[in-house]
C-alpha atoms as a PDB file:
ATOM      1  CA  GLN A   1     -40.575 -54.107 -11.141  1.00  0.00           C
ATOM      2  CA  VAL A   2     -43.628 -52.670 -12.846  1.00  0.00           C
ATOM      3  CA  GLN A   3     -46.790 -54.708 -12.469  1.00  0.00           C
ATOM      4  CA  LEU A   4     -50.058 -54.089 -14.274  1.00  0.00           C
ATOM      5  CA  ALA A   5     -53.350 -55.775 -13.436  1.00  0.00           C
ATOM      6  CA  GLU A   6     -56.478 -55.371 -15.543  1.00  0.00           C
ATOM      7  CA  SER A   7     -60.029 -55.937 -14.371  1.00  0.00           C
ATOM      8  CA  GLY A   8     -63.579 -55.140 -15.414  1.00  0.00           C
ATOM      9  CA  GLY A   9     -64.083 -57.287 -18.474  1.00  0.00           C
ATOM     10  CA  GLY A  10     -67.178 -59.371 -19.028  1.00  0.00           C
ATOM     11  CA  LEU A  11     -69.974 -60.502 -21.314  1.00  0.00           C
ATOM     12  CA  VAL A  12     -72.327 -57.735 -22.442  1.00  0.00           C
ATOM     13  CA  GLN A  13     -74.819 -57.070 -25.202  1.00  0.00           C
ATOM     14  CA  ALA A  14     -74.328 -54.742 -28.136  1.00  0.00           C
ATOM     15  CA  GLY A  15     -74.928 -51.156 -27.080  1.00  0.00           C
ATOM     16  CA  ASP A  16     -73.912 -51.756 -23.462  1.00  0.00           C
ATOM     17  CA  SER A  17     -71.031 -50.147 -21.586  1.00  0.00           C
ATOM     18  CA  LEU A  18     -68.103 -51.419 -19.524  1.00  0.00           C
ATOM     19  CA  ARG A  19     -65.307 -49.790 -17.569  1.00  0.00           C
ATOM     20  CA  LEU A  20     -61.939 -51.494 -17.536  1.00  0.00           C
ATOM     21  CA  SER A  21     -59.364 -50.757 -14.850  1.00  0.00           C
ATOM     22  CA  CYS A  22     -55.596 -51.168 -14.812  1.00  0.00           C
ATOM     23  CA  LEU A  23     -53.891 -51.036 -11.436  1.00  0.00           C
ATOM     24  CA  ALA A  24     -50.225 -50.102 -11.809  1.00  0.00           C
ATOM     25  CA  SER A  25     -47.609 -50.778  -9.139  1.00  0.00           C
ATOM     26  CA  GLY A  26     -43.888 -51.086  -8.639  1.00  0.00           C
ATOM     27  CA  ARG A  27     -42.600 -47.531  -9.033  1.00  0.00           C
ATOM     28  CA  PRO A  28     -43.707 -43.935  -9.658  1.00  0.00           C
ATOM     29  CA  PHE A  29     -45.036 -43.461 -13.158  1.00  0.00           C
ATOM     30  CA  GLU A  30     -44.098 -39.879 -13.892  1.00  0.00           C
ATOM     31  CA  GLY A  31     -42.871 -39.674 -17.453  1.00  0.00           C
ATOM     32  CA  TYR A  32     -44.527 -42.920 -18.446  1.00  0.00           C
ATOM     33  CA  ALA A  33     -47.159 -43.473 -21.095  1.00  0.00           C
ATOM     34  CA  MET A  34     -49.918 -45.932 -20.300  1.00  0.00           C
ATOM     35  CA  GLY A  35     -51.987 -47.573 -22.977  1.00  0.00           C
ATOM     36  CA  TRP A  36     -54.729 -49.999 -23.840  1.00  0.00           C
ATOM     37  CA  PHE A  37     -54.481 -52.586 -26.598  1.00  0.00           C
ATOM     38  CA  ARG A  38     -56.825 -55.346 -27.666  1.00  0.00           C
ATOM     39  CA  GLN A  39     -56.390 -58.672 -29.363  1.00  0.00           C
ATOM     40  CA  ALA A  40     -59.125 -60.729 -30.984  1.00  0.00           C
ATOM     41  CA  PRO A  41     -58.598 -64.453 -31.687  1.00  0.00           C
ATOM     42  CA  GLY A  42     -56.244 -64.973 -34.599  1.00  0.00           C
ATOM     43  CA  LYS A  43     -55.481 -61.281 -34.944  1.00  0.00           C
ATOM     44  CA  GLU A  44     -52.687 -58.939 -33.984  1.00  0.00           C
ATOM     45  CA  ARG A  45     -52.656 -56.859 -30.835  1.00  0.00           C
ATOM     46  CA  ASP A  46     -54.118 -53.504 -31.842  1.00  0.00           C
ATOM     47  CA  PHE A  47     -53.741 -50.088 -30.286  1.00  0.00           C
ATOM     48  CA  VAL A  48     -56.855 -48.665 -28.614  1.00  0.00           C
ATOM     49  CA  ALA A  49     -55.796 -45.602 -26.604  1.00  0.00           C
ATOM     50  CA  ALA A  50     -52.970 -44.144 -24.546  1.00  0.00           C
ATOM     51  CA  LEU A  51     -52.267 -41.312 -22.148  1.00  0.00           C
ATOM     52  CA  GLY A  52     -49.317 -39.545 -20.627  1.00  0.00           C
ATOM     53  CA  TRP A  53     -49.197 -40.226 -16.904  1.00  0.00           C
ATOM     54  CA  SER A  54     -47.712 -36.817 -16.119  1.00  0.00           C
ATOM     55  CA  SER A  55     -49.348 -34.678 -18.805  1.00  0.00           C
ATOM     56  CA  GLY A  56     -52.719 -36.388 -19.076  1.00  0.00           C
ATOM     57  CA  ALA A  57     -52.574 -36.020 -22.864  1.00  0.00           C
ATOM     58  CA  THR A  58     -54.565 -38.699 -24.669  1.00  0.00           C
ATOM     59  CA  VAL A  59     -54.606 -40.335 -28.070  1.00  0.00           C
ATOM     60  CA  TYR A  60     -57.079 -42.828 -29.569  1.00  0.00           C
ATOM     61  CA  ALA A  61     -57.419 -45.249 -32.425  1.00  0.00           C
ATOM     62  CA  ASP A  62     -59.846 -43.888 -35.007  1.00  0.00           C
ATOM     63  CA  SER A  63     -62.120 -46.895 -34.589  1.00  0.00           C
ATOM     64  CA  VAL A  64     -62.889 -46.115 -30.940  1.00  0.00           C
ATOM     65  CA  LYS A  65     -62.347 -42.393 -30.414  1.00  0.00           C
ATOM     66  CA  ASP A  66     -66.056 -41.530 -30.381  1.00  0.00           C
ATOM     67  CA  ARG A  67     -67.018 -44.394 -28.041  1.00  0.00           C
ATOM     68  CA  PHE A  68     -64.137 -45.097 -25.655  1.00  0.00           C
ATOM     69  CA  THR A  69     -62.557 -42.793 -23.066  1.00  0.00           C
ATOM     70  CA  ILE A  70     -59.190 -43.298 -21.379  1.00  0.00           C
ATOM     71  CA  SER A  71     -58.524 -41.706 -18.005  1.00  0.00           C
ATOM     72  CA  LYS A  72     -56.424 -42.076 -14.854  1.00  0.00           C
ATOM     73  CA  ASP A  73     -56.509 -41.612 -11.128  1.00  0.00           C
ATOM     74  CA  ASN A  74     -53.018 -40.726  -9.940  1.00  0.00           C
ATOM     75  CA  ALA A  75     -53.891 -41.201  -6.286  1.00  0.00           C
ATOM     76  CA  ARG A  76     -55.023 -44.768  -6.956  1.00  0.00           C
ATOM     77  CA  ASN A  77     -52.306 -45.496  -9.558  1.00  0.00           C
ATOM     78  CA  THR A  78     -55.110 -46.711 -11.775  1.00  0.00           C
ATOM     79  CA  MET A  79     -55.902 -46.190 -15.437  1.00  0.00           C
ATOM     80  CA  TYR A  80     -59.377 -46.690 -16.855  1.00  0.00           C
ATOM     81  CA  LEU A  81     -60.980 -47.352 -20.207  1.00  0.00           C
ATOM     82  CA  GLN A  82     -64.665 -46.514 -20.482  1.00  0.00           C
ATOM     83  CA  LEU A  83     -66.236 -48.483 -23.312  1.00  0.00           C
ATOM     84  CA  ASN A  84     -69.598 -47.193 -24.539  1.00  0.00           C
ATOM     85  CA  SER A  85     -71.893 -48.298 -27.359  1.00  0.00           C
ATOM     86  CA  LEU A  86     -70.109 -51.628 -27.556  1.00  0.00           C
ATOM     87  CA  LYS A  87     -70.237 -53.613 -30.775  1.00  0.00           C
ATOM     88  CA  PRO A  88     -69.597 -57.316 -31.427  1.00  0.00           C
ATOM     89  CA  GLU A  89     -66.381 -56.338 -33.230  1.00  0.00           C
ATOM     90  CA  ASP A  90     -65.082 -54.930 -29.938  1.00  0.00           C
ATOM     91  CA  THR A  91     -64.847 -58.492 -28.619  1.00  0.00           C
ATOM     92  CA  ALA A  92     -61.225 -59.122 -27.630  1.00  0.00           C
ATOM     93  CA  VAL A  93     -58.809 -59.506 -24.760  1.00  0.00           C
ATOM     94  CA  TYR A  94     -57.936 -56.012 -23.572  1.00  0.00           C
ATOM     95  CA  PHE A  95     -54.429 -55.394 -22.273  1.00  0.00           C
ATOM     96  CA  CYS A  96     -52.944 -52.453 -20.452  1.00  0.00           C
ATOM     97  CA  ALA A  97     -49.336 -51.498 -21.044  1.00  0.00           C
ATOM     98  CA  ALA A  98     -46.710 -49.059 -19.804  1.00  0.00           C
ATOM     99  CA  LYS A  99     -43.861 -47.335 -21.600  1.00  0.00           C
ATOM    100  CA  ARG A 100     -40.858 -45.730 -19.887  1.00  0.00           C
ATOM    101  CA  ALA A 101     -39.705 -42.218 -20.710  1.00  0.00           C
ATOM    102  CA  ALA A 102     -42.608 -41.495 -23.046  1.00  0.00           C
ATOM    103  CA  TRP A 103     -42.716 -37.800 -23.798  1.00  0.00           C
ATOM    104  CA  LYS A 104     -44.635 -37.917 -27.086  1.00  0.00           C
ATOM    105  CA  ILE A 105     -48.270 -38.916 -26.696  1.00  0.00           C
ATOM    106  CA  THR A 106     -49.054 -39.609 -30.346  1.00  0.00           C
ATOM    107  CA  LYS A 107     -50.257 -42.567 -32.384  1.00  0.00           C
ATOM    108  CA  GLN A 108     -46.941 -42.532 -34.198  1.00  0.00           C
ATOM    109  CA  ALA A 109     -45.007 -42.963 -30.954  1.00  0.00           C
ATOM    110  CA  LEU A 110     -47.413 -45.258 -29.113  1.00  0.00           C
ATOM    111  CA  GLY A 111     -49.533 -46.990 -31.736  1.00  0.00           C
ATOM    112  CA  ALA A 112     -47.623 -50.269 -31.865  1.00  0.00           C
ATOM    113  CA  ALA A 113     -47.411 -52.945 -29.195  1.00  0.00           C
ATOM    114  CA  GLY A 114     -43.629 -53.063 -29.561  1.00  0.00           C
ATOM    115  CA  ALA A 115     -43.350 -49.526 -28.247  1.00  0.00           C
ATOM    116  CA  PHE A 116     -44.391 -50.570 -24.726  1.00  0.00           C
ATOM    117  CA  ASP A 117     -42.172 -52.095 -22.051  1.00  0.00           C
ATOM    118  CA  PHE A 118     -44.570 -53.689 -19.585  1.00  0.00           C
ATOM    119  CA  TRP A 119     -47.855 -55.580 -19.976  1.00  0.00           C
ATOM    120  CA  GLY A 120     -50.716 -56.881 -17.920  1.00  0.00           C
ATOM    121  CA  GLN A 121     -52.327 -60.298 -18.344  1.00  0.00           C
ATOM    122  CA  GLY A 122     -55.442 -58.990 -20.069  1.00  0.00           C
ATOM    123  CA  THR A 123     -59.168 -59.017 -19.431  1.00  0.00           C
ATOM    124  CA  GLN A 124     -61.744 -60.542 -21.774  1.00  0.00           C
ATOM    125  CA  VAL A 125     -64.506 -58.400 -23.229  1.00  0.00           C
ATOM    126  CA  THR A 126     -67.221 -60.252 -25.132  1.00  0.00           C
ATOM    127  CA  VAL A 127     -70.020 -58.372 -26.867  1.00  0.00           C
ATOM    128  CA  SER A 128     -73.001 -60.378 -28.077  1.00  0.00           C
ATOM    129  CA  SER A 129     -75.237 -59.199 -30.896  1.00  0.00           C
END
């Protein structure tokens, strides 16, 4: 069974940086896509970024592509999201997710929460102004 565990959230000021981690376990992840989503109170869960575990290809939401960076460490089975130049509107619970048999690393294929099969519990990021 796939398990995902996020960490690294916290309370920061506008302009600060954070690095979120997602430890993945339960099976090899070749052929999987891994992604980050976020959900603010009263809003839908929105796509942030995703990568192909085998290919390393990445895709970002337009709202974050110049500030956030997604990466992975295969040896540690860990995915990261580097958040720079944080803004109050980035405040949300950030979730990592995994999708089986994901060979297209595009926003069209991965940009909706329903496309993913497994989810972590989330980590809170709060950005004060």
